[in-house]
Amino acid sequence: MGRGKIVIRRIDNSTSRQVTFSKRRSGLLKKAKELAILCDAEVGVMIFSSTSKLYDFASTSMKSVIERYNKSKEEHHQLGHPASEVKYWQREAAMLRHQLQNLQENHRQMMGEELSGLSVKDLQNLEHQLEMSLRGVRMKKDQILMDEIEELNRKGQEIHQENVELYKKVYGTRDVNGANRTSLLLDGLGIGEDSHAPIHLQLCQPQQQNYETPTRATKLGRLQLQ
């Protein structure tokens, strides 16, 4: 047999009234907590018992809930009247103009303009901000340059490896003299056994070359012998 419908009216018996209050208060606070968690809602509940005892729950803080409630109620009341709505948007426009002026003033000061009204402390703070900004710009620039250098080194190593492979294909199957000449040329180019070694480019002074022909060298040798 189902339970009969409860008549919603004040419970005369004080004991039953206290028991009902305790059960329904706990259920109400539990539902408020579930609503805040499940629906991402900002919930605030305040309960005063008949003995003036306070029970409350707030998903964030009761102060922020009350402030938001008062602000929302005031805005709703203002938007309901045309004159109040005009005043509201006028205040919003004035606040935005004030913020824009502050931003423009800060920008001019960053550019080194309109500094006459600043104190030494304000100038020091401005200098610190500029140094921090400059440091960030330099770090970003250095990072970009390092990335470009790494990319060029990678491409250089790939080209170097391709040259080594191509040279081996062209001269690698010749006779012994060709193999020796290949070895000498490879040594002259700085290509060793480890073709994957990084290339280090250095500037050096040009070496003195002996351009005398073997015939002339032979003649000089004969003259010395005579």
Protein backbone atom coordinates (compact mmCIF):
# COMPACT_ATOMS: atom_id res chain seq x y z
CA MET A 1 0.00 0.00 0.00
CA GLY A 2 1.46 3.35 -1.05
CA ARG A 3 2.19 6.14 1.32
CA GLY A 4 -0.44 8.81 1.49
CA LYS A 5 0.10 12.35 0.26
CA ILE A 6 1.55 14.63 2.92
CA VAL A 7 -0.31 17.85 3.51
CA ILE A 8 2.06 20.82 3.27
CA ARG A 9 1.38 22.77 6.41
CA ARG A 10 3.10 23.57 9.63
CA ILE A 11 3.77 20.55 11.84
CA ASP A 12 2.30 21.16 15.25
CA ASN A 13 4.31 18.57 17.14
CA SER A 14 7.68 20.10 17.97
CA THR A 15 9.52 16.76 17.97
CA SER A 16 8.17 15.73 14.58
CA ARG A 17 8.84 19.23 13.28
CA GLN A 18 12.49 19.03 14.36
CA VAL A 19 12.96 15.57 12.84
CA THR A 20 11.41 16.66 9.55
CA PHE A 21 13.52 19.80 9.49
CA SER A 22 16.72 17.83 10.02
CA LYS A 23 15.92 15.30 7.27
CA ARG A 24 14.77 17.81 4.69
CA ARG A 25 17.61 20.21 5.44
CA SER A 26 20.16 17.50 4.81
CA GLY A 27 18.38 16.49 1.61
CA LEU A 28 18.20 20.09 0.37
CA LEU A 29 21.90 20.74 0.99
CA LYS A 30 22.79 17.45 -0.68
CA LYS A 31 20.75 18.34 -3.76
CA ALA A 32 22.35 21.78 -3.90
CA LYS A 33 25.84 20.22 -3.83
CA GLU A 34 24.92 17.73 -6.56
CA LEU A 35 23.48 20.53 -8.69
CA ALA A 36 26.69 22.55 -8.39
CA ILE A 37 28.89 19.58 -9.31
CA LEU A 38 26.80 18.03 -12.08
CA CYS A 39 25.75 21.24 -13.82
CA ASP A 40 28.74 23.49 -13.03
CA ALA A 41 26.38 25.97 -11.40
CA GLU A 42 27.15 28.52 -8.72
CA VAL A 43 24.83 27.61 -5.87
CA GLY A 44 24.25 29.20 -2.50
CA VAL A 45 21.77 28.01 0.10
CA MET A 46 21.05 29.57 3.51
CA ILE A 47 18.71 28.03 6.06
CA PHE A 48 17.67 29.45 9.44
CA SER A 49 15.94 27.08 11.80
CA SER A 50 13.11 28.09 14.09
CA THR A 51 15.71 28.54 16.80
CA SER A 52 17.68 30.98 14.54
CA LYS A 53 20.45 28.48 13.88
CA LEU A 54 22.15 28.95 10.49
CA TYR A 55 22.85 26.19 7.98
CA ASP A 56 24.38 27.11 4.62
CA PHE A 57 26.12 25.75 1.55
CA ALA A 58 27.98 27.58 -1.22
CA SER A 59 29.69 26.06 -4.23
CA THR A 60 32.31 28.87 -4.23
CA SER A 61 31.80 31.24 -1.32
CA MET A 62 28.63 32.68 0.11
CA LYS A 63 29.98 36.24 -0.22
CA SER A 64 30.64 35.91 -3.95
CA VAL A 65 27.22 34.30 -4.49
CA ILE A 66 25.48 37.14 -2.68
CA GLU A 67 27.48 39.81 -4.55
CA ARG A 68 26.67 38.18 -7.87
CA TYR A 69 23.02 37.96 -6.91
CA ASN A 70 22.84 41.63 -5.94
CA LYS A 71 24.65 42.71 -9.11
CA SER A 72 22.42 40.61 -11.32
CA LYS A 73 19.31 41.89 -9.59
CA GLU A 74 20.44 45.50 -9.97
CA GLU A 75 21.28 45.09 -13.66
CA HIS A 76 17.97 43.40 -14.30
CA HIS A 77 16.17 46.24 -12.54
CA GLN A 78 18.10 48.86 -14.52
CA LEU A 79 17.58 47.17 -17.87
CA GLY A 80 13.88 47.07 -17.20
CA HIS A 81 13.66 50.89 -17.42
CA PRO A 82 14.81 52.77 -20.56
CA ALA A 83 16.35 55.66 -18.63
CA SER A 84 18.24 53.35 -16.30
CA GLU A 85 19.44 51.28 -19.26
CA VAL A 86 20.88 54.38 -20.94
CA LYS A 87 22.74 55.33 -17.75
CA TYR A 88 24.08 51.79 -17.42
CA TRP A 89 25.55 51.77 -20.92
CA GLN A 90 26.91 55.30 -20.43
CA ARG A 91 28.82 54.10 -17.38
CA GLU A 92 30.11 51.11 -19.35
CA ALA A 93 31.28 53.38 -22.21
CA ALA A 94 32.98 55.78 -19.77
CA MET A 95 34.80 52.89 -18.10
CA LEU A 96 36.01 51.57 -21.46
CA ARG A 97 37.21 55.05 -22.49
CA HIS A 98 39.13 55.33 -19.24
CA GLN A 99 40.79 51.95 -19.82
CA LEU A 100 41.71 52.97 -23.38
CA GLN A 101 43.30 56.19 -22.14
CA ASN A 102 45.37 54.26 -19.61
CA LEU A 103 46.57 51.85 -22.28
CA GLN A 104 47.49 54.67 -24.64
CA GLU A 105 49.37 56.46 -21.87
CA ASN A 106 51.29 53.30 -20.99
CA HIS A 107 52.16 52.79 -24.66
CA ARG A 108 53.51 56.34 -25.00
CA GLN A 109 55.60 55.87 -21.87
CA MET A 110 56.98 52.62 -23.27
CA MET A 111 58.03 54.60 -26.34
CA GLY A 112 59.84 57.14 -24.12
CA GLU A 113 57.24 59.89 -24.37
CA GLU A 114 55.40 61.88 -21.70
CA LEU A 115 57.79 60.97 -18.89
CA SER A 116 57.83 64.37 -17.20
CA GLY A 117 55.14 63.51 -14.66
CA LEU A 118 56.76 60.27 -13.49
CA SER A 119 58.72 59.90 -10.29
CA VAL A 120 62.03 58.12 -9.94
CA LYS A 121 60.30 54.97 -8.75
CA ASP A 122 57.90 55.04 -11.69
CA LEU A 123 60.82 55.47 -14.08
CA GLN A 124 62.63 52.56 -12.44
CA ASN A 125 59.57 50.37 -12.84
CA LEU A 126 59.25 51.42 -16.47
CA GLU A 127 62.93 50.69 -17.05
CA HIS A 128 62.51 47.25 -15.48
CA GLN A 129 59.55 46.48 -17.73
CA LEU A 130 61.49 47.53 -20.82
CA GLU A 131 64.49 45.41 -19.80
CA MET A 132 62.23 42.39 -19.30
CA SER A 133 60.62 42.97 -22.71
CA LEU A 134 64.02 43.38 -24.39
CA ARG A 135 65.30 40.22 -22.73
CA GLY A 136 62.32 38.29 -24.04
CA VAL A 137 62.83 39.64 -27.57
CA ARG A 138 66.53 38.71 -27.53
CA MET A 139 65.80 35.21 -26.25
CA LYS A 140 63.29 34.69 -29.05
CA LYS A 141 65.74 36.01 -31.65
CA ASP A 142 68.56 33.78 -30.36
CA GLN A 143 66.27 30.76 -30.42
CA ILE A 144 65.30 31.42 -34.05
CA LEU A 145 68.96 31.84 -35.05
CA MET A 146 69.95 28.62 -33.28
CA ASP A 147 67.15 26.74 -35.04
CA GLU A 148 68.30 28.09 -38.40
CA ILE A 149 71.93 27.13 -37.68
CA GLU A 150 70.90 23.59 -36.72
CA GLU A 151 68.87 23.30 -39.90
CA LEU A 152 71.82 24.52 -42.02
CA ASN A 153 74.17 22.07 -40.27
CA ARG A 154 71.77 19.24 -40.95
CA LYS A 155 71.52 20.15 -44.63
CA GLY A 156 75.32 20.53 -44.82
CA GLN A 157 75.82 17.03 -43.40
CA GLU A 158 73.33 15.60 -45.87
CA ILE A 159 75.09 17.29 -48.80
CA HIS A 160 78.46 16.12 -47.47
CA GLN A 161 77.24 12.53 -47.27
CA GLU A 162 75.77 12.73 -50.77
CA ASN A 163 79.12 14.02 -52.12
CA VAL A 164 80.99 11.17 -50.45
CA GLU A 165 78.64 8.56 -51.88
CA LEU A 166 78.79 10.14 -55.33
CA TYR A 167 82.60 10.24 -55.25
CA LYS A 168 82.75 6.57 -54.26
CA LYS A 169 80.45 5.65 -57.13
CA VAL A 170 82.63 7.52 -59.65
CA TYR A 171 86.13 6.56 -58.45
CA GLY A 172 85.55 3.58 -56.21
CA THR A 173 85.87 0.85 -58.92
CA ARG A 174 89.18 1.94 -60.57
CA ASP A 175 92.58 0.23 -60.40
CA VAL A 176 95.07 0.47 -57.57
CA ASN A 177 96.56 3.76 -58.74
CA GLY A 178 93.08 5.17 -59.04
CA ALA A 179 92.25 3.85 -55.58
CA ASN A 180 95.36 5.50 -54.16
CA ARG A 181 94.52 8.74 -55.94
CA THR A 182 90.99 8.49 -54.58
CA SER A 183 92.37 8.02 -51.09
CA LEU A 184 94.66 11.02 -51.47
CA LEU A 185 91.88 13.19 -52.81
CA LEU A 186 89.61 12.11 -50.02
CA ASP A 187 92.30 12.94 -47.49
CA GLY A 188 92.84 16.31 -49.14
CA LEU A 189 89.14 17.05 -48.87
CA GLY A 190 89.16 16.11 -45.20
CA ILE A 191 86.97 13.02 -45.80
CA GLY A 192 88.01 10.16 -43.57
CA GLU A 193 86.56 6.83 -42.64
CA ASP A 194 83.88 8.44 -40.57
CA SER A 195 81.83 10.25 -43.21
CA HIS A 196 79.21 11.12 -40.65
CA ALA A 197 81.55 13.33 -38.62
CA PRO A 198 80.52 16.99 -38.50
CA ILE A 199 82.33 19.42 -40.78
CA HIS A 200 84.30 22.18 -39.11
CA LEU A 201 85.11 25.03 -41.44
CA GLN A 202 88.15 27.19 -40.55
CA LEU A 203 89.95 30.03 -42.28
CA CYS A 204 93.67 29.54 -42.83
CA GLN A 205 96.48 31.24 -44.69
CA PRO A 206 97.15 30.01 -48.26
CA GLN A 207 100.12 27.63 -48.48
CA GLN A 208 103.16 28.40 -50.63
CA GLN A 209 102.92 26.37 -53.86
CA ASN A 210 105.94 25.15 -55.85
CA TYR A 211 104.91 25.75 -59.45
CA GLU A 212 108.35 24.84 -61.00
CA THR A 213 108.08 22.20 -63.67
CA PRO A 214 109.96 18.89 -63.29
CA THR A 215 112.09 19.75 -66.39
CA ARG A 216 113.35 22.98 -64.85
CA ALA A 217 114.02 21.26 -61.57
CA THR A 218 116.11 18.66 -63.43
CA LYS A 219 118.13 21.37 -65.18
CA LEU A 220 118.82 23.07 -61.86
CA GLY A 221 120.00 19.74 -60.51
CA ARG A 222 122.43 19.22 -63.38
CA LEU A 223 123.87 22.71 -62.97
CA GLN A 224 124.51 22.04 -59.31
CA LEU A 225 126.22 18.75 -60.13
CA GLN A 226 128.49 20.43 -62.67
